[in-house]
């Protein structure tokens, strides 16, 4: 019998976020401006998902790549503080760790990202022993991880061969070309977790309902994040909806990743679909109460109290 040491193996990108807030509109011509706050936090969709899952009590292992630098060390140590296993993280001695500089002004923001090691992880580099010791495989930021894309189909096959279930959150495509070999991969995805824009972009359809119909035929579960309108879940036999919870929103960074963590928790716990969808909405909503992607993520006890 295989030792299932981990509930979730996360394959994804790693980079910190530098969140700068206040009057952050830059002026060129060597003009120096003072801002209200600057904070280095855990960034990257996959890492925020991993932290949310660990916060709920799941045993999480992370597989990714960072540079041999302070930002890479910051990310590895931050994950360890959440109890996440980091033995699957590769340290690249040549390429620096990526970083996103977020200029936050009220409810709006601009994001400047240096990719660094983000697009360089290859499927052949992934520690399969960690995958085999997990119950579930989650992959995030498909479009950012360009070197990973060609090997993902085989990786999902290997996961299924070892009886793992799989999930995918592509996140936004910065090139807005979408697809990029995704059609073949979707047939091997158990749980697909796009938002509205991603759903329509990937389907190549500018209306949401036809896009949902297109995608639901390709995956076992399609959970679409609708922002303030909650979320919907398509199974083989039904379409379910759940409303968003009402909270005082401070920062929506990582809300979708926290939704993903809540959904995968309920799925692995064997909950019925509507309860799982509602719990995912709760986790996503509660994460918006504090700045940054991870600071507001709820514990299992806190999120369950909203059920």
C-alpha atoms as a PDB file:
ATOM      1  CA  UNK A   1       0.000   0.000   0.000  1.00  0.00           C
ATOM      2  CA  UNK A   2       1.295   3.468  -0.933  1.00  0.00           C
ATOM      3  CA  UNK A   3       1.944   5.810   1.971  1.00  0.00           C
ATOM      4  CA  UNK A   4      -0.210   8.869   1.283  1.00  0.00           C
ATOM      5  CA  UNK A   5       1.994  11.292   3.156  1.00  0.00           C
ATOM      6  CA  UNK A   6       0.353  14.367   1.633  1.00  0.00           C
ATOM      7  CA  UNK A   7      -3.216  15.360   0.863  1.00  0.00           C
ATOM      8  CA  UNK A   8      -2.182  17.729  -1.944  1.00  0.00           C
ATOM      9  CA  UNK A   9       0.892  18.046  -4.129  1.00  0.00           C
ATOM     10  CA  UNK A  10       0.985  21.548  -5.639  1.00  0.00           C
ATOM     11  CA  UNK A  11       2.969  22.089  -8.836  1.00  0.00           C
ATOM     12  CA  UNK A  12       3.315  25.777  -9.516  1.00  0.00           C
ATOM     13  CA  UNK A  13       5.148  29.061  -9.632  1.00  0.00           C
ATOM     14  CA  UNK A  14       6.818  30.819  -6.713  1.00  0.00           C
ATOM     15  CA  UNK A  15       7.429  34.533  -6.290  1.00  0.00           C
ATOM     16  CA  UNK A  16       6.903  37.145  -3.592  1.00  0.00           C
ATOM     17  CA  UNK A  17       4.668  40.198  -3.974  1.00  0.00           C
ATOM     18  CA  UNK A  18       5.931  43.641  -3.018  1.00  0.00           C
ATOM     19  CA  UNK A  19       2.738  45.569  -2.270  1.00  0.00           C
ATOM     20  CA  UNK A  20       3.210  49.344  -2.329  1.00  0.00           C
ATOM     21  CA  UNK A  21       0.195  51.409  -1.259  1.00  0.00           C
ATOM     22  CA  UNK A  22      -0.758  55.066  -1.071  1.00  0.00           C
ATOM     23  CA  UNK A  23      -0.111  57.615  -3.831  1.00  0.00           C
ATOM     24  CA  UNK A  24       1.699  55.128  -6.037  1.00  0.00           C
ATOM     25  CA  UNK A  25       1.294  56.735  -9.458  1.00  0.00           C
ATOM     26  CA  UNK A  26       4.910  57.027 -10.605  1.00  0.00           C
ATOM     27  CA  UNK A  27       6.403  60.139 -12.183  1.00  0.00           C
ATOM     28  CA  UNK A  28       9.407  59.779 -14.440  1.00  0.00           C
ATOM     29  CA  UNK A  29      12.166  62.341 -14.670  1.00  0.00           C
ATOM     30  CA  UNK A  30      13.832  61.082 -11.485  1.00  0.00           C
ATOM     31  CA  UNK A  31      10.947  62.282  -9.298  1.00  0.00           C
ATOM     32  CA  UNK A  32      10.942  60.638  -5.857  1.00  0.00           C
ATOM     33  CA  UNK A  33       7.607  60.157  -4.084  1.00  0.00           C
ATOM     34  CA  UNK A  34       6.828  58.901  -0.596  1.00  0.00           C
ATOM     35  CA  UNK A  35       4.214  56.161  -0.171  1.00  0.00           C
ATOM     36  CA  UNK A  36       2.178  55.005   2.825  1.00  0.00           C
ATOM     37  CA  UNK A  37       3.339  51.396   3.019  1.00  0.00           C
ATOM     38  CA  UNK A  38       5.501  48.760   1.375  1.00  0.00           C
ATOM     39  CA  UNK A  39       5.146  45.119   2.352  1.00  0.00           C
ATOM     40  CA  UNK A  40       6.801  41.938   1.055  1.00  0.00           C
ATOM     41  CA  UNK A  41       4.304  39.072   1.131  1.00  0.00           C
ATOM     42  CA  UNK A  42       3.775  35.573  -0.236  1.00  0.00           C
ATOM     43  CA  UNK A  43       2.868  35.924  -3.888  1.00  0.00           C
ATOM     44  CA  UNK A  44       2.012  33.615  -6.788  1.00  0.00           C
ATOM     45  CA  UNK A  45      -1.309  31.887  -7.265  1.00  0.00           C
ATOM     46  CA  UNK A  46      -0.004  28.397  -6.560  1.00  0.00           C
ATOM     47  CA  UNK A  47       1.692  29.388  -3.299  1.00  0.00           C
ATOM     48  CA  UNK A  48      -1.386  31.258  -2.058  1.00  0.00           C
ATOM     49  CA  UNK A  49      -3.486  28.172  -2.828  1.00  0.00           C
ATOM     50  CA  UNK A  50      -1.006  25.964  -0.956  1.00  0.00           C
ATOM     51  CA  UNK A  51      -1.107  28.240   2.098  1.00  0.00           C
ATOM     52  CA  UNK A  52      -4.905  28.310   2.065  1.00  0.00           C
ATOM     53  CA  UNK A  53      -5.074  24.516   1.933  1.00  0.00           C
ATOM     54  CA  UNK A  54      -2.528  24.177   4.752  1.00  0.00           C
ATOM     55  CA  UNK A  55      -4.450  26.732   6.818  1.00  0.00           C
ATOM     56  CA  UNK A  56      -7.493  24.453   6.541  1.00  0.00           C
ATOM     57  CA  UNK A  57      -5.447  21.577   7.933  1.00  0.00           C
ATOM     58  CA  UNK A  58      -4.517  19.718   4.754  1.00  0.00           C
ATOM     59  CA  UNK A  59      -1.044  18.185   4.393  1.00  0.00           C
ATOM     60  CA  UNK A  60       0.569  20.027   1.495  1.00  0.00           C
ATOM     61  CA  UNK A  61       3.768  19.528  -0.507  1.00  0.00           C
ATOM     62  CA  UNK A  62       4.998  22.139  -2.972  1.00  0.00           C
ATOM     63  CA  UNK A  63       6.953  21.428  -6.166  1.00  0.00           C
ATOM     64  CA  UNK A  64       8.395  24.407  -8.016  1.00  0.00           C
ATOM     65  CA  UNK A  65      11.517  26.430  -8.759  1.00  0.00           C
ATOM     66  CA  UNK A  66      13.152  29.512  -7.241  1.00  0.00           C
ATOM     67  CA  UNK A  67      16.453  31.309  -7.680  1.00  0.00           C
ATOM     68  CA  UNK A  68      19.391  31.089  -5.309  1.00  0.00           C
ATOM     69  CA  UNK A  69      18.606  34.464  -3.749  1.00  0.00           C
ATOM     70  CA  UNK A  70      16.799  36.269  -0.933  1.00  0.00           C
ATOM     71  CA  UNK A  71      13.407  36.192  -2.659  1.00  0.00           C
ATOM     72  CA  UNK A  72      13.677  32.447  -3.204  1.00  0.00           C
ATOM     73  CA  UNK A  73      14.663  31.888   0.404  1.00  0.00           C
ATOM     74  CA  UNK A  74      11.802  34.127   1.545  1.00  0.00           C
ATOM     75  CA  UNK A  75       9.302  32.000  -0.350  1.00  0.00           C
ATOM     76  CA  UNK A  76      10.673  28.670   0.884  1.00  0.00           C
ATOM     77  CA  UNK A  77      10.768  29.800   4.507  1.00  0.00           C
ATOM     78  CA  UNK A  78       7.295  31.339   4.260  1.00  0.00           C
ATOM     79  CA  UNK A  79       5.845  28.058   3.008  1.00  0.00           C
ATOM     80  CA  UNK A  80       7.613  26.147   5.763  1.00  0.00           C
ATOM     81  CA  UNK A  81       5.980  28.406   8.345  1.00  0.00           C
ATOM     82  CA  UNK A  82       2.626  27.106   7.091  1.00  0.00           C
ATOM     83  CA  UNK A  83       3.816  23.530   7.553  1.00  0.00           C
ATOM     84  CA  UNK A  84       4.170  22.981   3.807  1.00  0.00           C
ATOM     85  CA  UNK A  85       6.773  20.459   2.642  1.00  0.00           C
ATOM     86  CA  UNK A  86       9.337  22.226   0.424  1.00  0.00           C
ATOM     87  CA  UNK A  87      11.569  19.286  -0.522  1.00  0.00           C
ATOM     88  CA  UNK A  88      10.212  19.422  -4.060  1.00  0.00           C
ATOM     89  CA  UNK A  89      11.353  23.011  -4.642  1.00  0.00           C
ATOM     90  CA  UNK A  90      14.357  23.301  -6.974  1.00  0.00           C
ATOM     91  CA  UNK A  91      16.903  26.082  -6.432  1.00  0.00           C
ATOM     92  CA  UNK A  92      18.190  27.459  -9.749  1.00  0.00           C
ATOM     93  CA  UNK A  93      21.713  28.862  -9.390  1.00  0.00           C
ATOM     94  CA  UNK A  94      21.511  30.963 -12.550  1.00  0.00           C
ATOM     95  CA  UNK A  95      18.064  32.559 -12.906  1.00  0.00           C
ATOM     96  CA  UNK A  96      16.741  34.864 -10.148  1.00  0.00           C
ATOM     97  CA  UNK A  97      13.393  34.348  -8.449  1.00  0.00           C
ATOM     98  CA  UNK A  98      10.542  36.259 -10.055  1.00  0.00           C
ATOM     99  CA  UNK A  99       8.721  39.068  -8.266  1.00  0.00           C
ATOM    100  CA  UNK A 100       5.523  41.088  -8.668  1.00  0.00           C
ATOM    101  CA  UNK A 101       5.453  44.752  -7.644  1.00  0.00           C
ATOM    102  CA  UNK A 102       1.860  45.689  -6.879  1.00  0.00           C
ATOM    103  CA  UNK A 103       0.965  49.384  -6.880  1.00  0.00           C
ATOM    104  CA  UNK A 104      -2.205  49.539  -4.784  1.00  0.00           C
ATOM    105  CA  UNK A 105      -4.317  52.688  -4.913  1.00  0.00           C
ATOM    106  CA  UNK A 106      -7.644  52.335  -3.124  1.00  0.00           C
ATOM    107  CA  UNK A 107      -9.475  49.373  -4.634  1.00  0.00           C
ATOM    108  CA  UNK A 108      -7.459  49.561  -7.855  1.00  0.00           C
ATOM    109  CA  UNK A 109      -4.007  48.202  -8.553  1.00  0.00           C
ATOM    110  CA  UNK A 110      -1.314  47.946 -11.190  1.00  0.00           C
ATOM    111  CA  UNK A 111       1.007  44.930 -11.280  1.00  0.00           C
ATOM    112  CA  UNK A 112       4.556  44.778 -12.632  1.00  0.00           C
ATOM    113  CA  UNK A 113       5.945  41.231 -12.814  1.00  0.00           C
ATOM    114  CA  UNK A 114       9.472  40.051 -13.494  1.00  0.00           C
ATOM    115  CA  UNK A 115       9.070  36.343 -14.406  1.00  0.00           C
ATOM    116  CA  UNK A 116      12.512  35.061 -13.341  1.00  0.00           C
ATOM    117  CA  UNK A 117      12.207  31.335 -12.599  1.00  0.00           C
ATOM    118  CA  UNK A 118       8.389  31.311 -13.001  1.00  0.00           C
ATOM    119  CA  UNK A 119       8.343  29.969 -16.600  1.00  0.00           C
ATOM    120  CA  UNK A 120      11.336  27.639 -16.223  1.00  0.00           C
ATOM    121  CA  UNK A 121      10.052  24.605 -14.298  1.00  0.00           C
ATOM    122  CA  UNK A 122       9.879  21.502 -16.517  1.00  0.00           C
ATOM    123  CA  UNK A 123       7.772  18.411 -15.885  1.00  0.00           C
ATOM    124  CA  UNK A 124      10.885  16.211 -16.097  1.00  0.00           C
ATOM    125  CA  UNK A 125      12.292  18.021 -13.047  1.00  0.00           C
ATOM    126  CA  UNK A 126       9.329  17.224 -10.808  1.00  0.00           C
ATOM    127  CA  UNK A 127       9.920  14.774  -7.964  1.00  0.00           C
ATOM    128  CA  UNK A 128       7.449  12.010  -8.813  1.00  0.00           C
ATOM    129  CA  UNK A 129       7.971  10.321  -5.459  1.00  0.00           C
ATOM    130  CA  UNK A 130       6.222  13.259  -3.806  1.00  0.00           C
ATOM    131  CA  UNK A 131       3.378  13.076  -6.338  1.00  0.00           C
ATOM    132  CA  UNK A 132       2.947   9.345  -5.691  1.00  0.00           C
ATOM    133  CA  UNK A 133       2.692   9.948  -1.948  1.00  0.00           C
ATOM    134  CA  UNK A 134      -0.184  12.409  -2.373  1.00  0.00           C
ATOM    135  CA  UNK A 135      -3.941  12.097  -2.680  1.00  0.00           C
ATOM    136  CA  UNK A 136      -4.460  14.977  -5.085  1.00  0.00           C
ATOM    137  CA  UNK A 137      -2.447  16.965  -7.653  1.00  0.00           C
ATOM    138  CA  UNK A 138      -3.126  20.674  -8.149  1.00  0.00           C
ATOM    139  CA  UNK A 139      -1.497  22.790 -10.858  1.00  0.00           C
ATOM    140  CA  UNK A 140      -1.765  26.586 -10.961  1.00  0.00           C
ATOM    141  CA  UNK A 141      -0.779  29.384 -13.354  1.00  0.00           C
ATOM    142  CA  UNK A 142      -0.719  27.239 -16.477  1.00  0.00           C
ATOM    143  CA  UNK A 143      -0.067  30.149 -18.832  1.00  0.00           C
ATOM    144  CA  UNK A 144       2.842  31.544 -16.821  1.00  0.00           C
ATOM    145  CA  UNK A 145       4.619  28.178 -16.644  1.00  0.00           C
ATOM    146  CA  UNK A 146       5.497  27.792 -20.300  1.00  0.00           C
ATOM    147  CA  UNK A 147       8.244  25.172 -19.859  1.00  0.00           C
ATOM    148  CA  UNK A 148       5.875  23.010 -17.817  1.00  0.00           C
ATOM    149  CA  UNK A 149       3.061  22.959 -20.391  1.00  0.00           C
ATOM    150  CA  UNK A 150       4.412  20.257 -22.771  1.00  0.00           C
ATOM    151  CA  UNK A 151       4.809  17.701 -19.962  1.00  0.00           C
ATOM    152  CA  UNK A 152       1.623  18.335 -18.010  1.00  0.00           C
ATOM    153  CA  UNK A 153      -0.532  15.865 -19.909  1.00  0.00           C
ATOM    154  CA  UNK A 154       1.849  13.031 -19.060  1.00  0.00           C
ATOM    155  CA  UNK A 155       2.137  14.257 -15.452  1.00  0.00           C
ATOM    156  CA  UNK A 156      -1.654  14.099 -15.076  1.00  0.00           C
ATOM    157  CA  UNK A 157      -1.602  10.595 -16.554  1.00  0.00           C
ATOM    158  CA  UNK A 158       1.005   9.544 -13.991  1.00  0.00           C
ATOM    159  CA  UNK A 159      -1.089  11.055 -11.215  1.00  0.00           C
ATOM    160  CA  UNK A 160      -4.188   9.133 -12.293  1.00  0.00           C
ATOM    161  CA  UNK A 161      -2.169   5.930 -12.586  1.00  0.00           C
ATOM    162  CA  UNK A 162      -1.371   6.354  -8.889  1.00  0.00           C
ATOM    163  CA  UNK A 163      -5.073   7.038  -8.134  1.00  0.00           C
ATOM    164  CA  UNK A 164      -4.615  10.764  -7.485  1.00  0.00           C
ATOM    165  CA  UNK A 165      -7.358  13.169  -8.479  1.00  0.00           C
ATOM    166  CA  UNK A 166      -6.360  16.360 -10.292  1.00  0.00           C
ATOM    167  CA  UNK A 167      -7.270  20.022 -10.429  1.00  0.00           C
ATOM    168  CA  UNK A 168      -6.199  22.964 -12.575  1.00  0.00           C
ATOM    169  CA  UNK A 169      -6.452  26.731 -12.218  1.00  0.00           C
ATOM    170  CA  UNK A 170      -4.928  28.276 -15.326  1.00  0.00           C
ATOM    171  CA  UNK A 171      -5.179  31.873 -14.107  1.00  0.00           C
ATOM    172  CA  UNK A 172      -5.130  34.671 -16.651  1.00  0.00           C
ATOM    173  CA  UNK A 173      -3.160  34.390 -19.890  1.00  0.00           C
ATOM    174  CA  UNK A 174      -0.943  37.515 -20.121  1.00  0.00           C
ATOM    175  CA  UNK A 175      -0.712  37.060 -23.897  1.00  0.00           C
ATOM    176  CA  UNK A 176      -4.524  36.688 -24.154  1.00  0.00           C
ATOM    177  CA  UNK A 177      -4.013  33.994 -26.813  1.00  0.00           C
ATOM    178  CA  UNK A 178      -5.483  31.311 -24.537  1.00  0.00           C
ATOM    179  CA  UNK A 179      -5.580  27.584 -25.167  1.00  0.00           C
ATOM    180  CA  UNK A 180      -1.952  26.709 -26.031  1.00  0.00           C
ATOM    181  CA  UNK A 181      -2.477  22.934 -25.928  1.00  0.00           C
ATOM    182  CA  UNK A 182      -5.057  23.104 -23.159  1.00  0.00           C
ATOM    183  CA  UNK A 183      -7.715  21.090 -25.010  1.00  0.00           C
ATOM    184  CA  UNK A 184      -5.823  17.821 -24.602  1.00  0.00           C
ATOM    185  CA  UNK A 185      -5.050  18.535 -20.948  1.00  0.00           C
ATOM    186  CA  UNK A 186      -8.620  19.372 -19.926  1.00  0.00           C
ATOM    187  CA  UNK A 187      -9.710  15.808 -20.639  1.00  0.00           C
ATOM    188  CA  UNK A 188      -7.413  14.715 -17.818  1.00  0.00           C
ATOM    189  CA  UNK A 189      -8.565  17.328 -15.289  1.00  0.00           C
ATOM    190  CA  UNK A 190     -11.022  16.257 -12.601  1.00  0.00           C
ATOM    191  CA  UNK A 191     -11.666  19.757 -11.227  1.00  0.00           C
ATOM    192  CA  UNK A 192     -11.289  22.884 -13.376  1.00  0.00           C
ATOM    193  CA  UNK A 193     -11.371  26.212 -11.525  1.00  0.00           C
ATOM    194  CA  UNK A 194     -11.532  29.237 -13.875  1.00  0.00           C
ATOM    195  CA  UNK A 195     -13.040  32.669 -13.274  1.00  0.00           C
ATOM    196  CA  UNK A 196     -15.389  34.398 -15.731  1.00  0.00           C
ATOM    197  CA  UNK A 197     -12.717  35.894 -17.998  1.00  0.00           C
ATOM    198  CA  UNK A 198     -10.689  32.693 -18.071  1.00  0.00           C
ATOM    199  CA  UNK A 199     -13.784  30.619 -18.787  1.00  0.00           C
ATOM    200  CA  UNK A 200     -14.699  32.692 -21.832  1.00  0.00           C
ATOM    201  CA  UNK A 201     -11.109  33.103 -23.020  1.00  0.00           C
ATOM    202  CA  UNK A 202     -10.328  29.389 -22.911  1.00  0.00           C
ATOM    203  CA  UNK A 203     -13.611  28.466 -24.577  1.00  0.00           C
ATOM    204  CA  UNK A 204     -13.107  31.160 -27.210  1.00  0.00           C
ATOM    205  CA  UNK A 205     -16.678  32.321 -26.606  1.00  0.00           C
ATOM    206  CA  UNK A 206     -17.578  35.868 -25.546  1.00  0.00           C
ATOM    207  CA  UNK A 207     -20.735  34.898 -23.629  1.00  0.00           C
ATOM    208  CA  UNK A 208     -20.492  33.159 -20.285  1.00  0.00           C
ATOM    209  CA  UNK A 209     -23.297  30.587 -20.507  1.00  0.00           C
ATOM    210  CA  UNK A 210     -22.197  29.078 -23.852  1.00  0.00           C
ATOM    211  CA  UNK A 211     -18.596  29.091 -22.592  1.00  0.00           C
ATOM    212  CA  UNK A 212     -19.656  27.132 -19.513  1.00  0.00           C
ATOM    213  CA  UNK A 213     -21.531  24.618 -21.672  1.00  0.00           C
ATOM    214  CA  UNK A 214     -18.442  24.187 -23.824  1.00  0.00           C
ATOM    215  CA  UNK A 215     -16.113  23.554 -20.872  1.00  0.00           C
ATOM    216  CA  UNK A 216     -18.402  21.409 -18.705  1.00  0.00           C
ATOM    217  CA  UNK A 217     -18.301  18.661 -21.327  1.00  0.00           C
ATOM    218  CA  UNK A 218     -14.521  18.421 -21.007  1.00  0.00           C
ATOM    219  CA  UNK A 219     -14.007  18.054 -17.240  1.00  0.00           C
ATOM    220  CA  UNK A 220     -15.626  16.159 -14.378  1.00  0.00           C
ATOM    221  CA  UNK A 221     -16.263  19.253 -12.237  1.00  0.00           C
ATOM    222  CA  UNK A 222     -16.306  22.826 -13.529  1.00  0.00           C
ATOM    223  CA  UNK A 223     -16.302  25.412 -10.727  1.00  0.00           C
ATOM    224  CA  UNK A 224     -16.545  28.951 -12.110  1.00  0.00           C
ATOM    225  CA  UNK A 225     -15.719  31.877  -9.831  1.00  0.00           C
ATOM    226  CA  UNK A 226     -18.163  34.755 -10.353  1.00  0.00           C
ATOM    227  CA  UNK A 227     -16.627  37.323  -7.989  1.00  0.00           C
ATOM    228  CA  UNK A 228     -19.212  39.208  -5.939  1.00  0.00           C
ATOM    229  CA  UNK A 229     -21.913  37.018  -7.506  1.00  0.00           C
ATOM    230  CA  UNK A 230     -20.546  33.876  -5.870  1.00  0.00           C
ATOM    231  CA  UNK A 231     -19.771  30.798  -7.941  1.00  0.00           C
ATOM    232  CA  UNK A 232     -21.356  27.979  -9.863  1.00  0.00           C
ATOM    233  CA  UNK A 233     -20.492  24.316 -10.150  1.00  0.00           C
ATOM    234  CA  UNK A 234     -21.234  22.088 -13.112  1.00  0.00           C
ATOM    235  CA  UNK A 235     -21.232  18.334 -12.608  1.00  0.00           C
ATOM    236  CA  UNK A 236     -22.263  15.681 -15.114  1.00  0.00           C
ATOM    237  CA  UNK A 237     -25.890  15.934 -14.042  1.00  0.00           C
ATOM    238  CA  UNK A 238     -26.482  19.375 -12.540  1.00  0.00           C
ATOM    239  CA  UNK A 239     -25.558  23.045 -12.269  1.00  0.00           C
ATOM    240  CA  UNK A 240     -25.346  24.445  -8.733  1.00  0.00           C
ATOM    241  CA  UNK A 241     -24.959  28.041  -7.540  1.00  0.00           C
ATOM    242  CA  UNK A 242     -23.791  29.532  -4.258  1.00  0.00           C
ATOM    243  CA  UNK A 243     -23.834  33.176  -3.218  1.00  0.00           C
ATOM    244  CA  UNK A 244     -20.775  35.049  -2.038  1.00  0.00           C
ATOM    245  CA  UNK A 245     -20.664  35.839   1.670  1.00  0.00           C
ATOM    246  CA  UNK A 246     -20.858  39.458   2.777  1.00  0.00           C
ATOM    247  CA  UNK A 247     -17.609  40.772   4.238  1.00  0.00           C
ATOM    248  CA  UNK A 248     -15.858  44.116   4.355  1.00  0.00           C
ATOM    249  CA  UNK A 249     -13.454  43.737   1.454  1.00  0.00           C
ATOM    250  CA  UNK A 250      -9.982  45.143   1.887  1.00  0.00           C
ATOM    251  CA  UNK A 251      -8.010  43.252  -0.759  1.00  0.00           C
ATOM    252  CA  UNK A 252      -9.124  40.690  -3.344  1.00  0.00           C
ATOM    253  CA  UNK A 253      -5.616  39.378  -4.121  1.00  0.00           C
ATOM    254  CA  UNK A 254      -5.635  35.589  -3.853  1.00  0.00           C
ATOM    255  CA  UNK A 255      -9.399  35.279  -3.285  1.00  0.00           C
ATOM    256  CA  UNK A 256      -9.711  32.865  -6.188  1.00  0.00           C
ATOM    257  CA  UNK A 257      -6.830  30.764  -4.875  1.00  0.00           C
ATOM    258  CA  UNK A 258      -8.440  30.630  -1.428  1.00  0.00           C
ATOM    259  CA  UNK A 259     -11.690  29.564  -3.122  1.00  0.00           C
ATOM    260  CA  UNK A 260      -9.734  26.757  -4.796  1.00  0.00           C
ATOM    261  CA  UNK A 261      -8.314  25.641  -1.459  1.00  0.00           C
ATOM    262  CA  UNK A 262     -11.768  25.494   0.088  1.00  0.00           C
ATOM    263  CA  UNK A 263     -13.171  23.584  -2.856  1.00  0.00           C
ATOM    264  CA  UNK A 264     -10.412  20.972  -2.831  1.00  0.00           C
ATOM    265  CA  UNK A 265     -10.825  20.598   0.945  1.00  0.00           C
ATOM    266  CA  UNK A 266     -14.518  19.793   0.578  1.00  0.00           C
ATOM    267  CA  UNK A 267     -13.889  17.509  -2.377  1.00  0.00           C
ATOM    268  CA  UNK A 268     -11.242  15.481  -0.544  1.00  0.00           C
ATOM    269  CA  UNK A 269     -13.470  15.349   2.537  1.00  0.00           C
ATOM    270  CA  UNK A 270     -16.175  13.682   0.433  1.00  0.00           C
ATOM    271  CA  UNK A 271     -18.742  16.452   0.931  1.00  0.00           C
ATOM    272  CA  UNK A 272     -21.715  16.731  -1.376  1.00  0.00           C
ATOM    273  CA  UNK A 273     -21.152  19.239  -4.214  1.00  0.00           C
ATOM    274  CA  UNK A 274     -23.281  22.162  -2.985  1.00  0.00           C
ATOM    275  CA  UNK A 275     -21.695  22.129   0.477  1.00  0.00           C
ATOM    276  CA  UNK A 276     -18.266  22.062  -1.156  1.00  0.00           C
ATOM    277  CA  UNK A 277     -19.134  25.031  -3.383  1.00  0.00           C
ATOM    278  CA  UNK A 278     -20.527  27.021  -0.473  1.00  0.00           C
ATOM    279  CA  UNK A 279     -17.422  26.308   1.623  1.00  0.00           C
ATOM    280  CA  UNK A 280     -15.177  27.424  -1.251  1.00  0.00           C
ATOM    281  CA  UNK A 281     -17.083  30.722  -1.447  1.00  0.00           C
ATOM    282  CA  UNK A 282     -16.621  31.200   2.285  1.00  0.00           C
ATOM    283  CA  UNK A 283     -12.864  30.639   2.063  1.00  0.00           C
ATOM    284  CA  UNK A 284     -12.546  33.009  -0.879  1.00  0.00           C
ATOM    285  CA  UNK A 285     -14.664  35.686   0.765  1.00  0.00           C
ATOM    286  CA  UNK A 286     -12.936  35.592   4.141  1.00  0.00           C
ATOM    287  CA  UNK A 287      -9.526  35.929   2.483  1.00  0.00           C
ATOM    288  CA  UNK A 288     -10.438  39.439   1.286  1.00  0.00           C
ATOM    289  CA  UNK A 289     -10.632  40.890   4.811  1.00  0.00           C
ATOM    290  CA  UNK A 290      -6.902  41.633   4.998  1.00  0.00           C
ATOM    291  CA  UNK A 291      -4.266  42.882   2.578  1.00  0.00           C
ATOM    292  CA  UNK A 292      -2.219  40.312   0.695  1.00  0.00           C
ATOM    293  CA  UNK A 293      -3.147  36.872  -0.533  1.00  0.00           C
ATOM    294  CA  UNK A 294      -2.661  34.856   2.664  1.00  0.00           C
ATOM    295  CA  UNK A 295      -3.169  37.104   5.710  1.00  0.00           C
ATOM    296  CA  UNK A 296      -6.959  36.731   5.745  1.00  0.00           C
ATOM    297  CA  UNK A 297      -7.203  33.046   4.872  1.00  0.00           C
ATOM    298  CA  UNK A 298      -9.449  31.257   7.382  1.00  0.00           C
ATOM    299  CA  UNK A 299      -8.799  28.222   9.533  1.00  0.00           C
ATOM    300  CA  UNK A 300     -11.102  25.232   9.167  1.00  0.00           C
ATOM    301  CA  UNK A 301     -12.941  26.139  12.365  1.00  0.00           C
ATOM    302  CA  UNK A 302     -13.498  29.730  11.260  1.00  0.00           C
ATOM    303  CA  UNK A 303     -14.675  28.858   7.761  1.00  0.00           C
ATOM    304  CA  UNK A 304     -16.920  26.048   9.034  1.00  0.00           C
ATOM    305  CA  UNK A 305     -18.693  28.453  11.373  1.00  0.00           C
ATOM    306  CA  UNK A 306     -20.091  30.240   8.297  1.00  0.00           C
ATOM    307  CA  UNK A 307     -21.645  27.022   7.002  1.00  0.00           C
END
